[in-house]
Protein backbone atom coordinates (compact mmCIF):
# COMPACT_ATOMS: atom_id res chain seq x y z
CA MET A 1 229.32 75.67 -127.93
CA ASP A 2 229.87 75.23 -124.49
CA PHE A 3 228.19 76.96 -121.89
CA SER A 4 231.38 78.80 -120.49
CA SER A 5 231.84 80.33 -124.39
CA PHE A 6 228.08 81.30 -124.55
CA THR A 7 228.18 82.71 -121.87
CA THR A 8 231.48 85.04 -122.46
CA ILE A 9 230.35 86.05 -125.76
CA ILE A 10 227.01 87.54 -125.04
CA THR A 11 228.56 88.86 -122.12
CA GLY A 12 231.54 90.31 -123.95
CA SER A 13 229.20 93.56 -124.06
CA ILE A 14 227.83 94.39 -120.36
CA SER A 15 229.30 95.97 -117.85
CA ALA A 16 231.66 94.48 -115.29
CA SER A 17 228.91 95.38 -112.69
CA LEU A 18 225.52 93.65 -114.05
CA HIS A 19 228.32 90.49 -115.09
CA ARG A 20 226.94 88.60 -111.96
CA LEU A 21 224.32 89.11 -111.96
CA PHE A 22 223.58 88.44 -116.19
CA ILE A 23 225.12 84.77 -114.95
CA MET A 24 222.81 84.25 -112.40
CA PHE A 25 219.45 85.43 -114.88
CA VAL A 26 221.06 82.77 -117.52
CA ILE A 27 221.61 79.79 -115.44
CA TYR A 28 218.15 80.53 -114.32
CA ASN A 29 216.51 80.34 -116.63
CA LEU A 30 218.95 77.31 -118.31
CA SER A 31 217.44 75.43 -115.04
CA SER A 32 213.71 75.03 -117.39
CA CYS A 33 215.60 73.02 -119.57
CA PRO A 34 216.26 69.16 -119.29
CA LEU A 35 219.89 69.27 -119.40
CA TYR A 36 220.42 71.52 -116.55
CA ALA A 37 217.03 70.67 -114.67
CA GLN A 38 218.46 67.71 -112.82
CA GLU A 39 216.83 67.20 -109.55
CA GLN A 40 219.13 65.95 -106.82
CA THR A 41 219.04 63.12 -105.11
CA SER A 42 217.44 62.72 -101.75
CA LEU A 43 219.85 60.86 -98.99
CA ARG A 44 216.67 60.76 -97.10
CA ARG A 45 214.15 59.06 -99.01
CA PRO A 46 214.95 55.47 -100.01
CA LEU A 47 217.38 54.56 -102.54
CA GLN A 48 217.36 51.54 -105.41
CA MET A 49 220.19 50.55 -107.08
CA ILE A 50 219.56 52.00 -110.90
CA TRP A 51 222.50 49.82 -112.33
CA HIS A 52 225.68 48.14 -111.67
CA PHE A 53 229.27 48.35 -113.39
CA LYS A 54 230.17 44.58 -112.19
CA THR A 55 234.34 44.86 -111.97
CA GLU A 56 237.18 43.34 -108.99
CA SER A 57 239.80 45.94 -110.12
CA ALA A 58 237.94 49.06 -108.48
CA ILE A 59 240.66 50.78 -106.95
CA ASN A 60 240.62 53.67 -104.02
CA LEU A 61 240.30 56.15 -105.91
CA SER A 62 237.55 57.97 -106.86
CA PRO A 63 235.63 57.87 -110.03
CA ALA A 64 235.28 61.60 -111.58
CA SER A 65 232.02 62.81 -113.45
CA SER A 66 231.74 65.29 -115.95
CA ARG A 67 228.87 66.28 -118.05
CA ASP A 68 226.67 62.81 -118.53
CA THR A 69 229.83 60.57 -118.06
CA VAL A 70 231.43 58.75 -114.79
CA TYR A 71 235.23 57.94 -115.11
CA LEU A 72 236.40 55.30 -113.35
CA PRO A 73 239.94 54.46 -112.28
CA LEU A 74 240.38 50.66 -112.06
CA SER A 75 243.84 48.50 -111.05
CA GLY A 76 246.57 48.10 -113.98
CA GLY A 77 246.24 51.43 -114.74
CA SER A 78 243.01 51.04 -116.32
CA LEU A 79 240.27 53.81 -117.09
CA VAL A 80 236.75 53.37 -117.48
CA SER A 81 234.51 55.93 -119.25
CA LEU A 82 230.27 55.14 -118.11
CA SER A 83 227.29 56.63 -119.27
CA LEU A 84 226.20 58.34 -115.66
CA ASN A 85 222.54 57.43 -116.67
CA ASP A 86 222.87 53.90 -117.43
CA GLY A 87 226.33 52.82 -116.89
CA GLY A 88 227.15 51.66 -120.40
CA LEU A 89 229.94 51.19 -121.13
CA ASN A 90 231.78 54.28 -123.82
CA TRP A 91 235.14 53.25 -123.82
CA ILE A 92 238.38 51.51 -122.03
CA THR A 93 241.61 53.56 -122.34
CA GLU A 94 244.75 50.68 -121.06
CA ILE A 95 247.29 53.74 -119.61
CA GLY A 96 249.50 51.25 -117.65
CA GLY A 97 251.38 51.18 -114.23
CA ASN A 98 249.30 52.07 -111.79
CA LEU A 99 246.71 55.33 -111.49
CA SER A 100 248.12 57.52 -108.65
CA ALA A 101 245.86 59.97 -108.03
CA THR A 102 242.05 60.34 -108.22
CA PRO A 103 241.74 61.51 -111.56
CA HIS A 104 240.08 64.72 -112.20
CA ALA A 105 237.42 65.97 -115.60
CA ASP A 106 235.76 69.02 -116.58
CA GLU A 107 235.28 70.59 -120.07
CA THR A 108 238.79 70.67 -121.46
CA GLY A 109 239.22 66.82 -120.95
CA ILE A 110 240.40 63.70 -118.51
CA PHE A 111 243.32 64.18 -116.95
CA VAL A 112 244.91 61.00 -115.38
CA ALA A 113 247.81 60.55 -113.20
CA SER A 114 249.81 57.75 -112.84
CA GLU A 115 253.21 55.94 -111.81
CA ASN A 116 255.92 54.07 -113.60
CA PHE A 117 258.32 51.40 -111.97
CA VAL A 118 261.47 52.45 -112.46
CA LEU A 119 264.96 50.17 -112.59
CA PRO A 120 267.51 51.85 -110.51
CA ASP A 121 270.05 51.62 -113.48
CA SER A 122 267.53 53.07 -115.93
CA VAL A 123 267.83 56.14 -118.04
CA LEU A 124 264.63 57.51 -117.89
CA PRO A 125 264.28 58.63 -114.07
CA ALA A 126 260.84 59.94 -114.39
CA SER A 127 258.75 57.68 -112.85
CA GLY A 128 255.50 59.44 -112.79
CA ALA A 129 253.63 61.11 -115.78
CA LEU A 130 250.48 63.36 -115.87
CA ARG A 131 247.58 62.75 -119.23
CA ALA A 132 244.88 64.23 -120.92
CA LEU A 133 242.65 62.40 -122.48
CA SER A 134 239.39 62.83 -124.73
CA HIS A 135 236.28 62.53 -123.72
CA LEU A 136 234.99 60.76 -126.96
CA SER A 137 237.40 58.33 -126.97
CA GLY A 138 239.61 58.45 -124.31
CA VAL A 139 242.57 58.84 -127.30
CA ILE A 140 246.01 60.38 -125.65
CA LEU A 141 245.86 64.14 -125.53
CA TRP A 142 249.74 65.15 -124.84
CA ILE A 143 251.62 63.77 -121.96
CA GLN A 144 254.03 65.00 -119.81
CA THR A 145 256.15 63.35 -117.82
CA ILE A 146 256.81 64.42 -114.28
CA HIS A 147 260.02 62.99 -112.05
CA ALA A 148 257.18 61.04 -109.17
CA PRO A 149 254.01 60.30 -109.35
CA LEU A 150 251.37 62.94 -108.30
CA GLN A 151 249.71 61.78 -105.09
CA GLY A 152 245.95 62.38 -103.66
CA GLY A 153 243.95 64.11 -106.32
CA LEU A 154 243.84 67.17 -109.17
CA ILE A 155 242.41 70.35 -109.89
CA SER A 156 242.20 73.12 -111.59
CA ASN A 157 241.20 76.34 -112.98
CA GLU A 158 240.52 77.43 -116.34
CA THR A 159 243.32 77.08 -118.17
CA VAL A 160 246.29 75.31 -115.02
CA ILE A 161 246.03 71.71 -113.76
CA PHE A 162 247.75 71.32 -109.84
CA GLY A 163 249.05 67.98 -108.39
CA GLY A 164 251.71 67.88 -105.51
CA ALA A 165 254.06 64.35 -106.08
CA ALA A 166 255.41 62.18 -103.38
CA ASP A 167 258.95 63.99 -104.46
CA GLY A 168 257.87 67.07 -103.33
CA ARG A 169 257.59 68.86 -106.38
CA LEU A 170 254.32 70.75 -106.56
CA TYR A 171 252.91 71.22 -110.47
CA ALA A 172 250.95 73.68 -112.10
CA ILE A 173 250.07 72.53 -116.01
CA LYS A 174 249.04 74.31 -118.51
CA LYS A 175 245.77 71.88 -119.77
CA LEU A 176 245.63 72.22 -123.29
CA SER A 177 249.27 71.74 -124.16
CA GLY A 178 250.72 69.50 -121.03
CA GLU A 179 253.62 72.60 -121.11
CA VAL A 180 254.30 72.71 -117.23
CA LEU A 181 253.85 76.68 -116.46
CA TRP A 182 255.77 76.56 -112.76
CA VAL A 183 257.12 73.69 -110.24
CA ARG A 184 258.26 74.19 -106.98
CA GLN A 185 259.79 72.03 -104.77
CA ASN A 186 259.37 70.89 -101.22
CA ILE A 187 260.75 68.84 -98.63
CA ALA A 188 257.72 66.45 -97.61
CA ALA A 189 256.06 64.68 -100.25
CA PHE A 190 251.81 66.04 -101.06
CA ALA A 191 249.57 62.77 -100.71
CA SER A 192 246.41 64.89 -100.19
CA GLN A 193 243.82 66.51 -102.38
CA PRO A 194 244.59 70.61 -102.82
CA ILE A 195 241.60 73.47 -102.70
CA LEU A 196 241.65 76.34 -104.93
CA TRP A 197 239.71 79.96 -103.55
CA GLY A 198 240.19 82.27 -105.87
CA ASP A 199 243.69 82.54 -107.10
CA THR A 200 245.34 80.59 -103.89
CA LEU A 201 245.87 76.35 -104.04
CA PHE A 202 245.22 74.82 -100.12
CA LEU A 203 247.24 71.54 -99.26
CA GLY A 204 248.95 69.77 -97.31
CA ASP A 205 252.30 67.74 -96.63
CA GLU A 206 253.30 64.14 -94.83
CA ASP A 207 255.53 66.74 -92.67
CA GLY A 208 251.90 69.16 -91.23
CA ILE A 209 252.65 72.34 -92.73
CA LEU A 210 249.03 73.50 -94.81
CA TRP A 211 250.68 75.76 -97.82
CA ALA A 212 248.48 78.38 -99.66
CA ILE A 213 250.17 79.31 -102.56
CA ASN A 214 249.43 81.41 -104.94
CA THR A 215 248.57 79.42 -107.93
CA ALA A 216 249.84 82.13 -110.72
CA THR A 217 253.26 81.82 -109.62
CA GLY A 218 253.47 79.21 -107.13
CA LYS A 219 254.93 81.83 -103.89
CA THR A 220 253.89 80.76 -100.55
CA ILE A 221 251.40 83.09 -99.28
CA TRP A 222 251.46 81.56 -95.97
CA HIS A 223 252.01 78.50 -93.97
CA TYR A 224 251.32 76.37 -90.93
CA ARG A 225 252.97 73.28 -89.21
CA THR A 226 251.09 71.12 -87.54
CA GLN A 227 252.32 67.87 -85.61
CA GLY A 228 251.54 65.43 -87.71
CA ALA A 229 250.36 64.64 -91.46
CA VAL A 230 247.84 66.62 -93.48
CA ARG A 231 246.60 64.45 -96.01
CA ALA A 232 242.71 65.01 -96.28
CA PRO A 233 241.00 68.37 -98.12
CA VAL A 234 240.16 71.32 -96.20
CA ALA A 235 237.04 72.86 -96.12
CA ILE A 236 236.24 76.75 -96.80
CA VAL A 237 233.52 78.80 -96.18
CA GLY A 238 233.48 82.88 -95.44
CA GLU A 239 237.56 83.55 -94.06
CA ASN A 240 237.59 80.58 -92.58
CA ILE A 241 239.66 77.50 -93.58
CA PHE A 242 239.23 74.21 -91.58
CA VAL A 243 241.83 71.64 -91.76
CA GLY A 244 242.04 68.43 -90.50
CA SER A 245 245.34 67.11 -89.04
CA ASN A 246 247.56 62.98 -88.19
CA ASP A 247 248.62 65.56 -84.91
CA GLY A 248 244.59 64.26 -83.45
CA PHE A 249 243.54 67.96 -84.00
CA VAL A 250 241.40 70.03 -86.12
CA TYR A 251 242.76 73.58 -86.64
CA ALA A 252 240.70 76.60 -88.11
CA PHE A 253 242.68 79.83 -89.73
CA ASN A 254 241.95 82.83 -91.46
CA LYS A 255 242.32 82.32 -94.85
CA ARG A 256 243.75 84.93 -96.08
CA ASP A 257 246.80 85.38 -94.09
CA GLY A 258 246.60 82.07 -92.09
CA ARG A 259 246.20 83.65 -88.39
CA LEU A 260 245.23 80.38 -86.54
CA ARG A 261 241.35 81.04 -84.90
CA TRP A 262 240.89 77.50 -82.87
CA ARG A 263 241.72 74.08 -82.86
CA THR A 264 240.56 71.30 -81.55
CA ARG A 265 241.04 67.39 -80.75
CA ALA A 266 239.42 64.73 -82.06
CA GLY A 267 239.89 60.84 -80.63
CA ALA A 268 243.32 59.75 -83.21
CA ALA A 269 243.82 61.17 -86.11
CA VAL A 270 242.00 63.36 -88.49
CA GLN A 271 240.82 61.89 -91.71
CA SER A 272 238.58 64.28 -92.78
CA VAL A 273 236.78 67.79 -92.48
CA THR A 274 233.50 68.31 -94.09
CA LEU A 275 231.41 71.27 -94.16
CA THR A 276 227.21 71.17 -93.54
CA GLU A 277 225.24 73.58 -92.57
CA LYS A 278 225.24 72.70 -89.49
CA CYS A 279 229.05 72.47 -88.78
CA LEU A 280 231.85 71.13 -88.92
CA VAL A 281 231.79 67.23 -89.67
CA VAL A 282 234.82 65.54 -88.62
CA THR A 283 236.35 61.64 -89.24
CA SER A 284 238.89 60.27 -87.02
CA LEU A 285 240.46 56.93 -86.81
CA ASP A 286 238.34 56.91 -83.68
CA ASN A 287 236.12 55.76 -85.53
CA PHE A 288 234.14 58.37 -84.16
CA VAL A 289 231.79 60.78 -85.86
CA TYR A 290 232.95 64.62 -84.84
CA CYS A 291 230.28 67.24 -84.92
CA LEU A 292 231.92 70.42 -84.29
CA SER A 293 230.83 74.29 -84.08
CA LEU A 294 232.27 76.97 -86.67
CA GLN A 295 233.12 79.39 -84.15
CA LYS A 296 235.04 77.99 -81.93
CA GLY A 297 235.66 74.39 -82.66
CA ARG A 298 233.43 73.39 -79.72
CA LYS A 299 232.10 69.28 -79.95
CA VAL A 300 228.31 69.23 -80.59
CA TRP A 301 227.53 65.39 -80.44
CA LYS A 302 230.01 62.24 -82.17
CA ARG A 303 228.71 58.81 -82.90
CA GLN A 304 230.86 55.78 -83.49
CA LEU A 305 230.98 53.81 -86.60
CA ALA A 306 230.79 50.24 -86.86
CA GLY A 307 234.79 50.76 -88.13
CA ARG A 308 237.40 52.88 -89.75
CA ILE A 309 236.38 55.99 -92.27
CA ALA A 310 239.10 56.35 -94.71
CA ALA A 311 236.14 57.32 -97.89
CA GLN A 312 235.92 61.53 -97.43
CA PRO A 313 232.27 61.30 -96.33
CA LEU A 314 229.57 63.24 -98.80
CA ALA A 315 227.21 66.24 -97.35
CA THR A 316 224.22 67.76 -98.85
CA ASP A 317 221.70 69.85 -96.90
CA GLU A 318 219.61 66.75 -95.67
CA GLY A 319 222.45 64.64 -94.27
CA VAL A 320 226.34 63.28 -94.44
CA LEU A 321 226.86 60.05 -96.23
CA PHE A 322 229.50 57.55 -94.65
CA SER A 323 231.09 54.35 -95.73
CA PRO A 324 233.15 52.93 -93.17
CA LEU A 325 235.31 49.87 -93.89
CA ALA A 326 233.35 47.36 -91.85
CA GLY A 327 229.76 46.27 -92.42
CA GLU A 328 227.89 46.60 -94.57
CA GLU A 329 225.82 49.93 -95.67
CA CYS A 330 227.12 52.97 -95.71
CA LEU A 331 225.12 55.25 -93.03
CA VAL A 332 223.72 58.34 -94.02
CA LEU A 333 223.78 60.84 -89.94
CA ASP A 334 221.47 63.73 -89.75
CA GLN A 335 224.22 66.63 -89.60
CA LYS A 336 221.79 67.91 -86.77
CA ASP A 337 221.99 65.85 -84.28
CA GLY A 338 224.32 62.42 -85.51
CA ARG A 339 221.07 60.19 -86.01
CA LYS A 340 221.16 57.70 -88.03
CA ILE A 341 218.21 58.85 -90.73
CA ASN A 342 219.56 55.92 -93.98
CA SER A 343 220.97 53.59 -94.92
CA ILE A 344 222.34 51.99 -98.18
CA PHE A 345 223.30 48.27 -98.75
CA VAL A 346 225.98 47.32 -100.61
CA GLY A 347 227.78 43.71 -99.54
CA GLU A 348 229.63 42.47 -96.76
CA ASP A 349 232.50 44.11 -96.49
CA ASN A 350 232.52 45.69 -99.97
CA ASN A 351 233.10 49.34 -98.93
CA MET A 352 236.17 50.64 -100.20
CA ALA A 353 238.49 54.17 -99.25
CA ALA A 354 237.10 55.18 -102.28
CA SER A 355 234.96 58.86 -101.99
CA PRO A 356 231.17 58.31 -102.82
CA LEU A 357 230.00 60.86 -105.74
CA LEU A 358 226.71 62.26 -106.28
CA ALA A 359 226.58 63.74 -110.36
CA GLY A 360 223.40 64.94 -111.07
CA ASN A 361 220.63 62.63 -109.39
CA ILE A 362 223.05 59.93 -109.30
CA LEU A 363 225.18 58.62 -106.43
CA LEU A 364 227.65 56.36 -107.36
CA LEU A 365 229.81 54.75 -104.70
CA THR A 366 232.70 52.57 -105.28
CA THR A 367 233.09 49.24 -104.16
CA ARG A 368 235.22 46.05 -103.86
CA LYS A 369 232.62 44.70 -106.38
CA GLY A 370 233.00 47.49 -108.95
CA LEU A 371 230.83 51.18 -109.00
CA MET A 372 227.06 51.18 -107.96
CA ALA A 373 224.62 54.06 -108.80
CA PHE A 374 221.67 55.20 -106.94
CA SER A 375 218.99 56.62 -107.17
CA ASP A 376 215.68 58.18 -105.04
CA SER A 377 213.47 57.68 -107.80
CA ALA A 378 213.01 54.21 -109.70
CA SER A 379 212.76 55.64 -112.80
CA SER A 380 216.05 57.19 -113.50
CA ALA A 381 217.16 54.34 -115.35
CA PRO A 382 216.68 50.65 -115.73
CA LEU A 383 218.54 48.05 -113.81
CA ARG A 384 221.22 47.31 -115.34
CA GLN A 385 224.57 45.54 -114.22
């Protein structure tokens, strides 16, 4: 029985007012168990590589993780399941075609979007597909063909997975069966990572519109048009939602009604917005990192890096990790002042656009030479290559 089922059964007779308190109590007590008591790797301390899955087939899609497993997308439509602890190979599934979006993994399964080349006179015009795979074996549980490939990323709630496609369609698909719950047509293509907040789905399109969509119906709650494509995921805190645009501006809205609160210009097209405890960290095509105040968008500090930052940064309460495309290392900057506080050597020109991932107490970096796992504790796992 998984953890969510356990809490559902036990709390069935508890009043709604005590439900949240009970869940916090259960999680607190389970934290003393080894399964839930992993200490997060520190970005300030020296990090050591604990295993390296070597491959020349890594692509610019980030891996996904669930429990003690990481799922690495490869070229040629392959997905590899690896043990998070030591990098051991569990299975590899050959889907074919090309993977088109970052995979998504949760308790239900692994969800993989792909693209196949379609001939002009083909009787099967659909060029995209979404598959659900088994955690244990990688066997396909179901497949849903769609007109055009899903792009950017996937996200799900308890029962439905969402993704935007290259032809402007936005899909809501049931996770257990693959049945399409609803689909809505947009004028412009989607190529961004959607974000969920309650029953609202946020994502941007290639025409520069940020959409707030009702997850149950697919209806528009509100939208706002910028002057450039919106491809990076939004950041949400309190009543505010922040988004970057290729028009070179960062925008702050009221997340409930889309009312504009402020906008601030960066040096070039905005690649990412990342929330930290101190500020909103923004990367742009001018190779600068900007720290903006959450209240008014004021620039607190900025720092130029060695190359373009195509990957979404990784933020913890200790610092922010960046993977510039130029150079031989990933950098950790202090969110207070932009000072370099750590670095991780990955090899000359080895960084990619795939985003770093912190899974449990292990940091995962996708490079041109494969997937590297780091920890601040040499005893976390034996070095495996």
